[in-house]
Amino acid sequence: MWNDMTQAYRRSWHPSCFLEIMAKFLNTSGANYYLEEIIRLAHDRLILVTPILKLNDRVRELLEEKHEQKIEVHIAYEKNDLLPEEVNWLRTVSSVHTSFCRNLHARCYLNEKFCIVSSLNLHELNDAKNNEVGVLVSADDDPELFQSLLTEADRIIRISDELRLSADKVRRLSEDNAPNEAEEQEGAGKLSTSRLARKLGLKTQELTDHLIHLGAIEISDGRKQITPLGRRLGGELRISARFGPYFLWPEALPLAKS
């Protein structure tokens, strides 16, 4: 009976469903071990796809080694959780390229030989407090699957916008300290970045990252500047005696690329 069922399924399913897959299951310790090995042993290229851009000490050590070895590293992320000092450090490792990718939820790490698809975030490397799972794919054992993962990782990097992250080395200007309502009244119908973010249900940094991705804001010499596109969209740069520079945006600011 089982053979009859198997034959029936084989007649109705595509042959690719029966390809032998050589992926290796990883538990928490395995995911941590192989992620570190993928970074450490990369000798040609390294791609790190993670929703959150955040570094711990071990990841920084590994990335610095890649920089010293002149190995290109590409990191795609959606949310930037770097501290100012981490941003400044990242600017010194020119071999590490960071790219903003909207709606990124994948976690995929690969070099020229191995790839991990895992629940493990990059900054949680060597942090065993969470239960993680993943799969390891070898280019030698399963070249077709590995190539599919590499193609998708390359696509994510390609559609991402490369950002050279910057931070003010003296102080970090935070728009969470938004100007008061009296100051905002100078721009009728406009809101500061932090207040517009709250209205949209976003964090200030999330909206700021999106405005950079959109091309309405750029970072120059560690400071945020409004671009000609940002001005065409109705954005303004204002100076507050109390809080310093801040941006005003129309409440109905279009957030999609034209």
Protein backbone atom coordinates (compact mmCIF):
# COMPACT_ATOMS: atom_id res chain seq x y z
CA MET A 1 0.00 0.00 0.00
CA TRP A 2 2.82 2.40 0.93
CA ASN A 3 4.54 1.75 -2.41
CA ASP A 4 1.29 2.48 -4.26
CA MET A 5 0.90 5.79 -2.41
CA THR A 6 4.51 6.70 -3.11
CA GLN A 7 4.13 6.01 -6.81
CA ALA A 8 0.92 8.08 -6.92
CA TYR A 9 2.66 11.02 -5.28
CA ARG A 10 5.61 10.72 -7.62
CA ARG A 11 3.28 10.92 -10.62
CA SER A 12 1.63 14.13 -9.31
CA TRP A 13 4.66 15.93 -7.86
CA HIS A 14 7.44 17.65 -9.74
CA PRO A 15 10.65 15.56 -9.93
CA SER A 16 12.58 18.31 -8.09
CA CYS A 17 10.61 17.44 -4.95
CA PHE A 18 12.62 14.21 -4.71
CA LEU A 19 16.10 15.67 -5.07
CA GLU A 20 18.40 14.55 -2.27
CA ILE A 21 19.17 17.50 -0.03
CA MET A 22 22.44 17.37 1.92
CA ALA A 23 21.70 20.18 4.39
CA LYS A 24 22.78 19.57 7.98
CA PHE A 25 20.47 20.45 10.90
CA LEU A 26 21.95 22.78 13.50
CA ASN A 27 20.87 23.30 17.10
CA THR A 28 21.87 26.30 19.23
CA SER A 29 25.49 25.27 19.75
CA GLY A 30 25.84 24.15 16.14
CA ALA A 31 24.46 27.42 14.76
CA ASN A 32 26.86 29.42 16.92
CA TYR A 33 29.84 27.26 15.99
CA TYR A 34 29.27 27.28 12.25
CA LEU A 35 28.41 30.99 12.07
CA GLU A 36 31.74 31.82 13.67
CA GLU A 37 33.54 29.37 11.37
CA ILE A 38 31.88 30.80 8.26
CA ILE A 39 33.14 34.27 9.18
CA ARG A 40 36.55 33.13 10.40
CA LEU A 41 37.35 30.88 7.42
CA ALA A 42 36.11 33.17 4.64
CA HIS A 43 39.01 33.80 2.27
CA ASP A 44 37.26 35.21 -0.81
CA ARG A 45 33.94 36.81 0.15
CA LEU A 46 31.53 36.96 3.07
CA ILE A 47 27.82 37.87 3.03
CA LEU A 48 25.90 38.46 6.26
CA VAL A 49 22.14 38.99 5.97
CA THR A 50 20.52 39.95 9.26
CA PRO A 51 17.48 42.07 10.15
CA ILE A 52 19.32 43.92 12.94
CA LEU A 53 22.68 45.62 12.49
CA LYS A 54 24.22 45.22 15.91
CA LEU A 55 27.68 43.99 16.89
CA ASN A 56 29.13 42.22 19.87
CA ASP A 57 32.82 42.04 20.75
CA ARG A 58 33.42 38.70 19.01
CA VAL A 59 31.76 39.81 15.78
CA ARG A 60 33.87 42.97 15.79
CA GLU A 61 37.05 40.90 16.24
CA LEU A 62 36.11 38.63 13.35
CA LEU A 63 35.21 41.54 11.04
CA GLU A 64 38.45 43.29 11.89
CA GLU A 65 40.35 40.14 10.92
CA LYS A 66 38.55 40.10 7.55
CA HIS A 67 39.46 43.75 7.03
CA GLU A 68 43.11 43.05 7.78
CA GLN A 69 42.99 40.15 5.31
CA LYS A 70 41.42 42.50 2.72
CA ILE A 71 38.36 40.26 2.34
CA GLU A 72 35.19 42.00 1.19
CA VAL A 73 32.30 41.71 3.64
CA HIS A 74 28.74 42.69 2.74
CA ILE A 75 26.14 43.12 5.49
CA ALA A 76 22.47 43.64 4.59
CA TYR A 77 20.17 44.82 7.38
CA GLU A 78 16.87 46.56 8.00
CA LYS A 79 17.24 48.06 11.49
CA ASN A 80 20.37 49.89 12.68
CA ASP A 81 21.01 49.35 16.40
CA LEU A 82 24.65 50.45 16.38
CA LEU A 83 25.99 52.67 19.12
CA PRO A 84 27.83 55.86 18.01
CA GLU A 85 31.23 54.38 18.90
CA GLU A 86 30.41 51.27 16.87
CA VAL A 87 29.48 53.43 13.89
CA ASN A 88 32.80 55.25 14.16
CA TRP A 89 34.66 51.94 14.36
CA LEU A 90 32.81 50.62 11.32
CA ARG A 91 33.99 53.62 9.32
CA THR A 92 37.60 52.50 9.88
CA VAL A 93 37.09 49.03 8.34
CA SER A 94 36.68 49.87 4.68
CA SER A 95 36.35 46.23 3.61
CA VAL A 96 33.02 45.98 5.44
CA HIS A 97 30.08 47.30 3.39
CA THR A 98 26.66 47.85 4.97
CA SER A 99 23.42 47.97 2.99
CA PHE A 100 19.91 48.95 4.08
CA CYS A 101 17.18 46.59 2.86
CA ARG A 102 13.50 47.26 3.51
CA ASN A 103 11.29 44.49 4.90
CA LEU A 104 14.26 42.24 5.58
CA HIS A 105 13.52 39.34 7.90
CA ALA A 106 15.97 36.70 6.62
CA ARG A 107 19.03 35.49 8.50
CA CYS A 108 21.55 34.00 6.12
CA TYR A 109 25.34 33.87 6.43
CA LEU A 110 27.68 32.52 3.77
CA ASN A 111 31.21 32.45 2.47
CA GLU A 112 32.51 30.76 -0.68
CA LYS A 113 32.09 27.23 0.77
CA PHE A 114 29.31 27.15 3.37
CA CYS A 115 25.99 28.81 4.14
CA ILE A 116 23.79 28.92 7.23
CA VAL A 117 20.09 29.77 7.22
CA SER A 118 19.20 30.17 10.87
CA SER A 119 17.09 31.90 13.51
CA LEU A 120 20.36 33.18 15.04
CA ASN A 121 20.92 36.94 14.81
CA LEU A 122 24.44 38.12 13.99
CA HIS A 123 24.86 40.01 17.28
CA GLU A 124 23.79 36.92 19.25
CA LEU A 125 26.86 34.94 18.19
CA ASN A 126 28.22 33.03 21.23
CA ASP A 127 25.14 34.01 23.25
CA ALA A 128 23.53 30.74 24.31
CA LYS A 129 20.56 32.21 26.21
CA ASN A 130 18.19 31.66 23.25
CA ASN A 131 17.15 28.41 21.64
CA GLU A 132 18.13 28.50 17.96
CA VAL A 133 17.77 26.22 14.95
CA GLY A 134 19.26 26.34 11.50
CA VAL A 135 20.60 24.39 8.55
CA LEU A 136 24.12 24.26 7.14
CA VAL A 137 24.62 23.86 3.40
CA SER A 138 27.94 22.96 1.77
CA ALA A 139 28.86 24.03 -1.75
CA ASP A 140 30.62 20.66 -2.23
CA ASP A 141 27.84 18.41 -0.88
CA ASP A 142 24.87 20.25 -2.37
CA PRO A 143 26.07 22.68 -5.07
CA GLU A 144 22.57 23.32 -6.46
CA LEU A 145 21.06 24.35 -3.13
CA PHE A 146 24.15 26.37 -2.23
CA GLN A 147 24.00 28.23 -5.54
CA SER A 148 20.30 29.03 -4.96
CA LEU A 149 21.12 30.50 -1.54
CA LEU A 150 24.07 32.45 -2.94
CA THR A 151 21.90 33.84 -5.75
CA GLU A 152 19.25 34.99 -3.28
CA ALA A 153 21.83 36.55 -0.95
CA ASP A 154 23.37 38.38 -3.93
CA ARG A 155 19.90 39.60 -4.90
CA ILE A 156 19.30 41.00 -1.42
CA ILE A 157 22.63 42.83 -1.53
CA ARG A 158 21.87 44.09 -5.05
CA ILE A 159 18.48 45.58 -4.15
CA SER A 160 19.82 47.11 -0.95
CA ASP A 161 21.11 50.65 -0.74
CA GLU A 162 24.72 50.81 0.42
CA LEU A 163 25.17 53.28 3.24
CA ARG A 164 28.46 54.42 4.65
CA LEU A 165 27.30 54.81 8.22
CA SER A 166 28.47 57.94 10.00
CA ALA A 167 28.27 59.37 13.48
CA ASP A 168 29.30 62.67 15.03
CA LYS A 169 32.47 61.87 16.99
CA VAL A 170 31.85 64.70 19.43
CA ARG A 171 28.17 64.13 20.25
CA ARG A 172 25.17 62.31 18.84
CA LEU A 173 22.32 64.54 17.76
CA SER A 174 19.11 62.80 18.71
CA GLU A 175 15.77 63.83 17.31
CA ASP A 176 14.09 62.04 20.21
CA ASN A 177 14.62 65.42 21.92
CA ALA A 178 12.25 67.06 19.47
CA PRO A 179 11.53 70.82 19.54
CA ASN A 180 8.51 72.02 21.42
CA GLU A 181 5.13 72.65 19.83
CA ALA A 182 5.66 76.40 19.62
CA GLU A 183 8.72 75.88 17.45
CA GLU A 184 6.90 73.34 15.26
CA GLN A 185 4.11 75.84 14.62
CA GLU A 186 6.54 77.74 12.38
CA GLY A 187 6.05 74.95 9.84
CA ALA A 188 2.29 74.72 9.48
CA GLY A 189 1.14 71.18 8.77
CA LYS A 190 4.63 69.80 9.33
CA LEU A 191 6.09 67.55 12.01
CA SER A 192 9.59 66.79 13.24
CA THR A 193 11.03 63.41 12.33
CA SER A 194 10.36 61.99 15.80
CA ARG A 195 6.72 63.15 15.87
CA LEU A 196 6.06 61.97 12.33
CA ALA A 197 7.56 58.61 13.28
CA ARG A 198 5.21 58.33 16.26
CA LYS A 199 2.25 59.20 14.05
CA LEU A 200 3.27 56.43 11.61
CA GLY A 201 3.82 53.92 14.40
CA LEU A 202 7.59 53.80 13.81
CA LYS A 203 10.69 54.45 15.86
CA THR A 204 12.58 57.63 15.01
CA GLN A 205 15.60 55.65 13.77
CA GLU A 206 13.40 53.48 11.54
CA LEU A 207 11.92 56.55 9.85
CA THR A 208 15.34 58.17 9.59
CA ASP A 209 16.78 55.04 7.94
CA HIS A 210 13.87 55.05 5.50
CA LEU A 211 14.39 58.74 4.65
CA ILE A 212 18.05 57.98 3.95
CA HIS A 213 17.00 55.02 1.79
CA LEU A 214 14.49 57.26 0.01
CA GLY A 215 17.20 59.86 -0.67
CA ALA A 216 15.52 62.65 1.32
CA ILE A 217 18.38 62.74 3.85
CA GLU A 218 22.08 62.10 3.42
CA ILE A 219 24.93 61.86 5.91
CA SER A 220 27.91 64.10 5.30
CA ASP A 221 30.85 64.44 7.68
CA GLY A 222 28.88 62.61 10.34
CA ARG A 223 25.86 64.95 10.16
CA LYS A 224 22.45 64.48 8.62
CA GLN A 225 21.69 66.86 5.75
CA ILE A 226 18.50 67.38 3.78
CA THR A 227 18.88 66.65 0.06
CA PRO A 228 17.32 68.47 -2.92
CA LEU A 229 14.81 65.61 -3.11
CA GLY A 230 14.00 66.09 0.56
CA ARG A 231 13.28 69.77 -0.06
CA ARG A 232 11.08 68.93 -3.07
CA LEU A 233 9.10 66.62 -0.81
CA GLY A 234 8.47 69.55 1.53
CA GLY A 235 11.19 68.88 4.09
CA GLU A 236 12.87 71.74 5.93
CA LEU A 237 15.95 72.08 8.11
CA ARG A 238 15.34 74.19 11.20
CA ILE A 239 17.63 75.28 14.02
CA SER A 240 16.39 75.22 17.60
CA ALA A 241 18.23 77.31 20.18
CA ARG A 242 17.60 74.52 22.67
CA PHE A 243 17.93 71.34 20.60
CA GLY A 244 20.04 72.36 17.63
CA PRO A 245 19.23 71.31 14.03
CA TYR A 246 16.14 69.25 13.25
CA PHE A 247 13.94 68.45 10.25
CA LEU A 248 10.30 69.23 9.57
CA TRP A 249 8.26 67.06 7.18
CA PRO A 250 4.73 67.30 5.76
CA GLU A 251 2.26 65.14 7.67
CA ALA A 252 1.37 63.47 4.34
CA LEU A 253 5.01 62.87 3.38
CA PRO A 254 5.15 60.29 0.51
CA LEU A 255 7.36 57.45 1.68
CA ALA A 256 7.59 55.43 -1.53
CA LYS A 257 10.27 55.93 -4.18
CA SER A 258 8.87 57.51 -7.32
